[in-house]
Amino acid sequence: MIKIESKNLNIVAIFAHPDDLSIFCAGTLARWAEEGHNIYALCCTSGEVGTLRRDLTKEQVAATREKELKAANEIIGVKETIILDYPDAGFINGPELREKLVYFVRKLKADRVVTFDPWVAYEVHPDHLIVGRMAAEAAAFAAFPLLYTDQIKKGVEPYECSEVWFMGLLGHKPNYFVDISSTLEKKIEAALKFEATLELLAKLFAPKIDPANVSPDELRKLTKYANRLYRSMATAIGNKMDIKAAEAFFVQKTLPGHFDNFQQLTSEMLGNPPAKPKIY
């Protein structure tokens, strides 16, 4: 198990849709918040397409998702929630997004960026791919003073982000497992703030329940299903490292314009197995 950082870090989670964090890394972010790190959540869209209901407009869905996200992040311990105005469902302009993310990496002095793995196979959602790629590039390129010089003229200085933590579905075996045994309850509570989560749970376990009109008894039932689902996911991941409950990540240290992975990639290219994963 690695030693916990002695200094408080600025950790910026960059994701596509309001409910992404609660699914993939809420337990980890909650633990880091409890340890005293500054957690920032940067959501690139309002998730206005993410519903199966036909009685709502995009504007109504966006307003609901933003409210849900802020409520969930309060549980997690997020210091600030930032919501960008990019459209949901595959219409994000990549270069424009990268410039904006470089700005926030610099402004927030991000020591660690948490985002999607854009190199994962069979990821069908383009928002996840473009956000993950641009977030990783922003982490690596924010140190260059000749890049996006207008930001520097406005007082936002270059900053060297130390690492990127790829969350969720990964294109590489995890090299870090975070013990979330103490924060799993917060993860589940945060997830239940989202109607989209209730919609998924109802579809999987209780199709007769209308997620838009959940009675107290039905909410208790869905909460039980959420506990079962999220606990089983965390337990299955934790079992890999003899941890009660965990979330998995592929972590890459950064250098200006690169990942600090030349030795690792060369070793794996020559047929050597990846290094043994670490437990946080």
Protein backbone atom coordinates (compact mmCIF):
# COMPACT_ATOMS: atom_id res chain seq x y z
CA MET A 1 0.00 0.00 0.00
CA ILE A 2 1.41 3.37 -1.00
CA LYS A 3 2.07 6.16 1.48
CA ILE A 4 -0.66 8.81 1.66
CA GLU A 5 0.44 12.24 0.38
CA SER A 6 1.41 14.60 3.17
CA LYS A 7 0.45 17.76 1.26
CA ASN A 8 -3.00 18.68 0.08
CA LEU A 9 -3.40 18.18 -3.66
CA ASN A 10 -5.64 19.96 -6.13
CA ILE A 11 -7.52 17.13 -7.83
CA VAL A 12 -9.67 17.90 -10.88
CA ALA A 13 -12.14 15.30 -12.11
CA ILE A 14 -13.02 15.98 -15.75
CA PHE A 15 -16.01 14.07 -17.09
CA ALA A 16 -18.71 14.24 -19.73
CA HIS A 17 -22.08 13.80 -18.01
CA PRO A 18 -23.37 14.68 -14.54
CA ASP A 19 -23.75 11.09 -13.31
CA ASP A 20 -20.34 9.83 -14.52
CA LEU A 21 -18.45 10.39 -11.28
CA SER A 22 -20.99 8.61 -9.10
CA ILE A 23 -20.59 5.50 -11.23
CA PHE A 24 -16.83 5.37 -11.67
CA CYS A 25 -14.93 7.19 -8.92
CA ALA A 26 -17.16 8.77 -6.28
CA GLY A 27 -15.77 6.54 -3.53
CA THR A 28 -12.22 7.56 -4.38
CA LEU A 29 -13.02 11.27 -4.60
CA ALA A 30 -14.88 11.10 -1.29
CA ARG A 31 -11.88 9.46 0.35
CA TRP A 32 -9.49 12.04 -1.05
CA ALA A 33 -11.79 14.82 0.18
CA GLU A 34 -11.79 13.28 3.65
CA GLU A 35 -7.98 13.22 3.54
CA GLY A 36 -7.99 16.99 3.01
CA HIS A 37 -7.36 17.27 -0.73
CA ASN A 38 -9.15 19.91 -2.78
CA ILE A 39 -11.58 18.18 -5.16
CA TYR A 40 -12.92 20.01 -8.22
CA ALA A 41 -15.56 18.48 -10.51
CA LEU A 42 -15.61 19.72 -14.10
CA CYS A 43 -18.54 18.41 -16.12
CA CYS A 44 -18.33 19.12 -19.85
CA THR A 45 -22.05 18.80 -20.67
CA SER A 46 -25.32 19.07 -18.79
CA GLY A 47 -26.36 15.58 -19.87
CA GLU A 48 -29.47 16.96 -21.52
CA VAL A 49 -29.97 13.93 -23.78
CA GLY A 50 -29.54 11.33 -21.03
CA THR A 51 -33.12 10.26 -20.37
CA LEU A 52 -35.65 7.85 -21.83
CA ARG A 53 -38.55 10.11 -20.89
CA ARG A 54 -40.51 11.90 -23.63
CA ASP A 55 -42.31 14.42 -21.46
CA LEU A 56 -39.26 16.63 -20.88
CA THR A 57 -37.31 19.14 -22.94
CA LYS A 58 -33.51 19.19 -23.12
CA GLU A 59 -33.56 22.35 -21.04
CA GLN A 60 -35.58 20.67 -18.31
CA VAL A 61 -33.31 17.63 -18.25
CA ALA A 62 -30.21 19.85 -18.11
CA ALA A 63 -31.58 21.84 -15.18
CA THR A 64 -32.42 18.64 -13.30
CA ARG A 65 -29.04 17.02 -13.97
CA GLU A 66 -27.14 20.10 -12.84
CA LYS A 67 -29.12 20.19 -9.61
CA GLU A 68 -28.54 16.47 -9.07
CA LEU A 69 -24.81 16.83 -9.75
CA LYS A 70 -24.38 19.57 -7.17
CA ALA A 71 -26.30 17.55 -4.58
CA ALA A 72 -24.19 14.46 -5.27
CA ASN A 73 -20.95 16.43 -5.15
CA GLU A 74 -21.89 17.89 -1.79
CA ILE A 75 -22.06 14.35 -0.43
CA ILE A 76 -18.71 13.46 -2.01
CA GLY A 77 -17.04 16.57 -0.61
CA VAL A 78 -16.31 18.40 -3.84
CA LYS A 79 -15.00 21.92 -3.26
CA GLU A 80 -16.33 23.39 -6.52
CA THR A 81 -18.52 22.09 -9.33
CA ILE A 82 -17.92 23.57 -12.80
CA ILE A 83 -20.32 22.84 -15.65
CA LEU A 84 -19.31 23.71 -19.19
CA ASP A 85 -21.80 24.37 -21.96
CA TYR A 86 -20.91 21.70 -24.52
CA PRO A 87 -23.76 19.76 -26.15
CA ASP A 88 -24.47 16.17 -25.08
CA ALA A 89 -24.33 13.10 -27.35
CA GLY A 90 -21.35 13.51 -29.63
CA PHE A 91 -21.10 17.16 -30.66
CA ILE A 92 -18.11 18.37 -28.62
CA ASN A 93 -15.43 20.32 -30.48
CA GLY A 94 -12.17 18.66 -29.39
CA PRO A 95 -9.58 21.44 -29.94
CA GLU A 96 -11.89 24.01 -28.38
CA LEU A 97 -12.45 21.75 -25.37
CA ARG A 98 -8.71 21.16 -24.94
CA GLU A 99 -8.02 24.89 -24.77
CA LYS A 100 -10.70 25.33 -22.15
CA LEU A 101 -9.43 22.37 -20.11
CA VAL A 102 -5.86 23.68 -20.24
CA TYR A 103 -7.26 26.90 -18.79
CA PHE A 104 -8.83 25.06 -15.85
CA VAL A 105 -5.79 22.84 -15.23
CA ARG A 106 -3.77 26.05 -14.98
CA LYS A 107 -6.30 28.09 -13.02
CA LEU A 108 -7.02 25.34 -10.48
CA LYS A 109 -3.35 24.30 -10.35
CA ALA A 110 -4.35 20.70 -10.94
CA ASP A 111 -1.85 18.24 -9.48
CA ARG A 112 -3.97 15.27 -10.49
CA VAL A 113 -6.56 14.92 -13.25
CA VAL A 114 -9.15 12.14 -13.11
CA THR A 115 -10.90 11.32 -16.38
CA PHE A 116 -11.99 8.61 -18.84
CA ASP A 117 -9.56 6.34 -20.66
CA PRO A 118 -9.91 7.44 -24.32
CA TRP A 119 -8.00 4.37 -25.54
CA VAL A 120 -10.42 1.79 -24.15
CA ALA A 121 -11.87 -0.69 -26.67
CA TYR A 122 -15.61 -0.84 -27.42
CA GLU A 123 -16.48 2.51 -25.83
CA VAL A 124 -19.42 3.65 -27.93
CA HIS A 125 -20.07 7.06 -26.35
CA PRO A 126 -18.08 9.75 -28.20
CA ASP A 127 -18.39 12.19 -25.30
CA HIS A 128 -16.41 9.85 -23.03
CA LEU A 129 -13.69 9.44 -25.64
CA ILE A 130 -13.23 13.09 -26.54
CA VAL A 131 -13.41 14.30 -22.95
CA GLY A 132 -10.88 11.71 -21.80
CA ARG A 133 -8.49 12.50 -24.63
CA MET A 134 -8.70 16.28 -24.26
CA ALA A 135 -8.42 16.08 -20.45
CA ALA A 136 -5.29 13.94 -20.73
CA GLU A 137 -3.79 16.32 -23.29
CA ALA A 138 -4.66 19.31 -21.11
CA ALA A 139 -2.86 17.72 -18.16
CA ALA A 140 0.24 17.13 -20.28
CA PHE A 141 0.27 20.44 -22.19
CA ALA A 142 -0.74 22.98 -19.52
CA ALA A 143 2.93 23.50 -18.62
CA PHE A 144 3.92 25.03 -21.97
CA PRO A 145 4.11 28.87 -21.72
CA LEU A 146 3.87 29.34 -25.50
CA LEU A 147 0.58 27.44 -25.71
CA TYR A 148 -2.65 29.48 -25.39
CA THR A 149 -0.72 32.63 -24.51
CA ASP A 150 -3.93 34.65 -24.16
CA GLN A 151 -4.58 32.74 -20.94
CA ILE A 152 -1.19 33.78 -19.58
CA LYS A 153 -1.79 37.42 -20.54
CA LYS A 154 -4.93 37.25 -18.41
CA GLY A 155 -2.96 36.02 -15.41
CA VAL A 156 -3.52 32.26 -15.69
CA GLU A 157 0.01 30.85 -15.49
CA PRO A 158 1.29 27.54 -16.89
CA TYR A 159 1.15 24.67 -14.45
CA GLU A 160 2.73 21.21 -14.44
CA CYS A 161 0.10 18.60 -13.62
CA SER A 162 1.77 15.52 -12.12
CA GLU A 163 -0.49 12.67 -13.19
CA VAL A 164 -3.66 11.49 -14.90
CA TRP A 165 -5.90 8.86 -13.31
CA PHE A 166 -8.02 7.07 -15.90
CA MET A 167 -11.27 5.79 -14.40
CA GLY A 168 -14.03 3.36 -15.32
CA LEU A 169 -13.59 1.06 -18.31
CA LEU A 170 -9.88 0.83 -19.03
CA GLY A 171 -7.80 -0.03 -22.07
CA HIS A 172 -4.98 -1.31 -19.85
CA LYS A 173 -4.88 -3.43 -16.72
CA PRO A 174 -5.32 -1.22 -13.63
CA ASN A 175 -2.12 -0.20 -11.90
CA TYR A 176 -3.82 1.43 -8.91
CA PHE A 177 -6.63 0.18 -6.69
CA VAL A 178 -8.17 2.61 -4.20
CA ASP A 179 -9.68 1.17 -1.04
CA ILE A 180 -13.14 2.76 -0.74
CA SER A 181 -14.40 0.61 2.12
CA SER A 182 -14.87 3.72 4.27
CA THR A 183 -16.60 5.78 1.56
CA LEU A 184 -18.74 3.25 -0.31
CA GLU A 185 -21.85 4.54 1.49
CA LYS A 186 -21.17 8.04 0.18
CA LYS A 187 -20.75 6.67 -3.35
CA ILE A 188 -24.14 4.94 -3.19
CA GLU A 189 -25.83 7.98 -1.63
CA ALA A 190 -24.38 10.23 -4.36
CA ALA A 191 -25.49 7.85 -7.12
CA LEU A 192 -29.06 7.86 -5.84
CA LYS A 193 -29.28 11.62 -6.36
CA PHE A 194 -29.59 11.02 -10.11
CA GLU A 195 -32.87 10.13 -11.77
CA ALA A 196 -30.75 8.47 -14.47
CA THR A 197 -29.42 6.07 -11.82
CA LEU A 198 -32.93 5.33 -10.62
CA GLU A 199 -33.97 4.82 -14.24
CA LEU A 200 -31.19 2.27 -14.73
CA LEU A 201 -31.95 0.47 -11.49
CA ALA A 202 -35.65 0.32 -12.33
CA LYS A 203 -34.90 -1.01 -15.80
CA LEU A 204 -32.59 -3.69 -14.38
CA PHE A 205 -34.47 -4.74 -11.27
CA ALA A 206 -37.96 -3.21 -11.08
CA PRO A 207 -39.42 -2.30 -14.49
CA LYS A 208 -42.81 -1.45 -12.97
CA ILE A 209 -41.35 1.48 -11.02
CA ASP A 210 -41.52 4.89 -12.72
CA PRO A 211 -38.21 6.66 -11.89
CA ALA A 212 -39.88 10.04 -12.36
CA ASN A 213 -42.49 9.32 -9.69
CA VAL A 214 -40.87 7.21 -7.02
CA SER A 215 -42.81 6.66 -3.81
CA PRO A 216 -40.95 6.39 -0.47
CA ASP A 217 -41.43 2.61 -0.50
CA GLU A 218 -40.18 2.37 -4.08
CA LEU A 219 -37.17 4.55 -3.24
CA ARG A 220 -36.29 2.19 -0.40
CA LYS A 221 -36.54 -0.69 -2.83
CA LEU A 222 -34.33 1.03 -5.41
CA THR A 223 -31.88 1.98 -2.65
CA LYS A 224 -31.62 -1.71 -1.77
CA TYR A 225 -30.92 -2.54 -5.41
CA ALA A 226 -28.35 0.27 -5.62
CA ASN A 227 -26.59 -1.07 -2.54
CA ARG A 228 -26.52 -4.52 -4.06
CA LEU A 229 -25.25 -3.31 -7.45
CA TYR A 230 -22.59 -0.87 -6.27
CA ARG A 231 -21.39 -3.16 -3.49
CA SER A 232 -21.02 -6.07 -5.87
CA MET A 233 -19.04 -3.90 -8.31
CA ALA A 234 -16.75 -2.57 -5.58
CA THR A 235 -16.33 -6.03 -4.07
CA ALA A 236 -15.49 -7.64 -7.41
CA ILE A 237 -12.82 -5.00 -8.06
CA GLY A 238 -11.51 -5.21 -4.50
CA ASN A 239 -11.19 -8.99 -4.65
CA LYS A 240 -8.35 -8.59 -7.13
CA MET A 241 -6.22 -7.07 -4.36
CA ASP A 242 -7.83 -8.54 -1.22
CA ILE A 243 -9.64 -5.29 -0.47
CA LYS A 244 -13.19 -5.20 0.87
CA ALA A 245 -14.32 -2.54 -1.64
CA ALA A 246 -12.29 -0.74 -4.31
CA GLU A 247 -12.24 1.35 -7.48
CA ALA A 248 -9.65 0.69 -10.18
CA PHE A 249 -7.56 3.14 -12.19
CA PHE A 250 -4.80 3.26 -14.77
CA VAL A 251 -2.46 6.04 -13.65
CA GLN A 252 0.06 7.79 -15.85
CA LYS A 253 2.64 10.26 -14.55
CA THR A 254 3.07 13.28 -16.80
CA LEU A 255 5.95 15.15 -18.34
CA PRO A 256 5.42 18.30 -20.44
CA GLY A 257 3.75 17.05 -23.60
CA HIS A 258 4.11 13.38 -22.68
CA PHE A 259 3.30 10.65 -20.24
CA ASP A 260 6.32 9.52 -18.20
CA ASN A 261 5.91 5.95 -19.45
CA PHE A 262 8.80 5.25 -21.83
CA GLN A 263 10.41 2.62 -19.60
CA GLN A 264 7.08 0.95 -18.88
CA LEU A 265 6.01 0.80 -22.53
CA THR A 266 9.39 -0.46 -23.69
CA SER A 267 9.35 -3.19 -21.05
CA GLU A 268 5.85 -4.31 -21.99
CA MET A 269 6.71 -4.10 -25.70
CA LEU A 270 9.52 -6.59 -25.09
CA GLY A 271 7.08 -9.03 -23.53
CA ASN A 272 7.52 -8.30 -19.85
CA PRO A 273 4.40 -8.20 -17.69
CA PRO A 274 3.15 -4.88 -16.31
CA ALA A 275 4.34 -3.89 -12.85
CA LYS A 276 2.28 -5.18 -9.93
CA PRO A 277 -0.65 -2.85 -9.16
CA LYS A 278 -0.45 -0.55 -6.15
CA ILE A 279 -3.06 -0.09 -3.44
CA TYR A 280 -3.97 3.41 -2.32
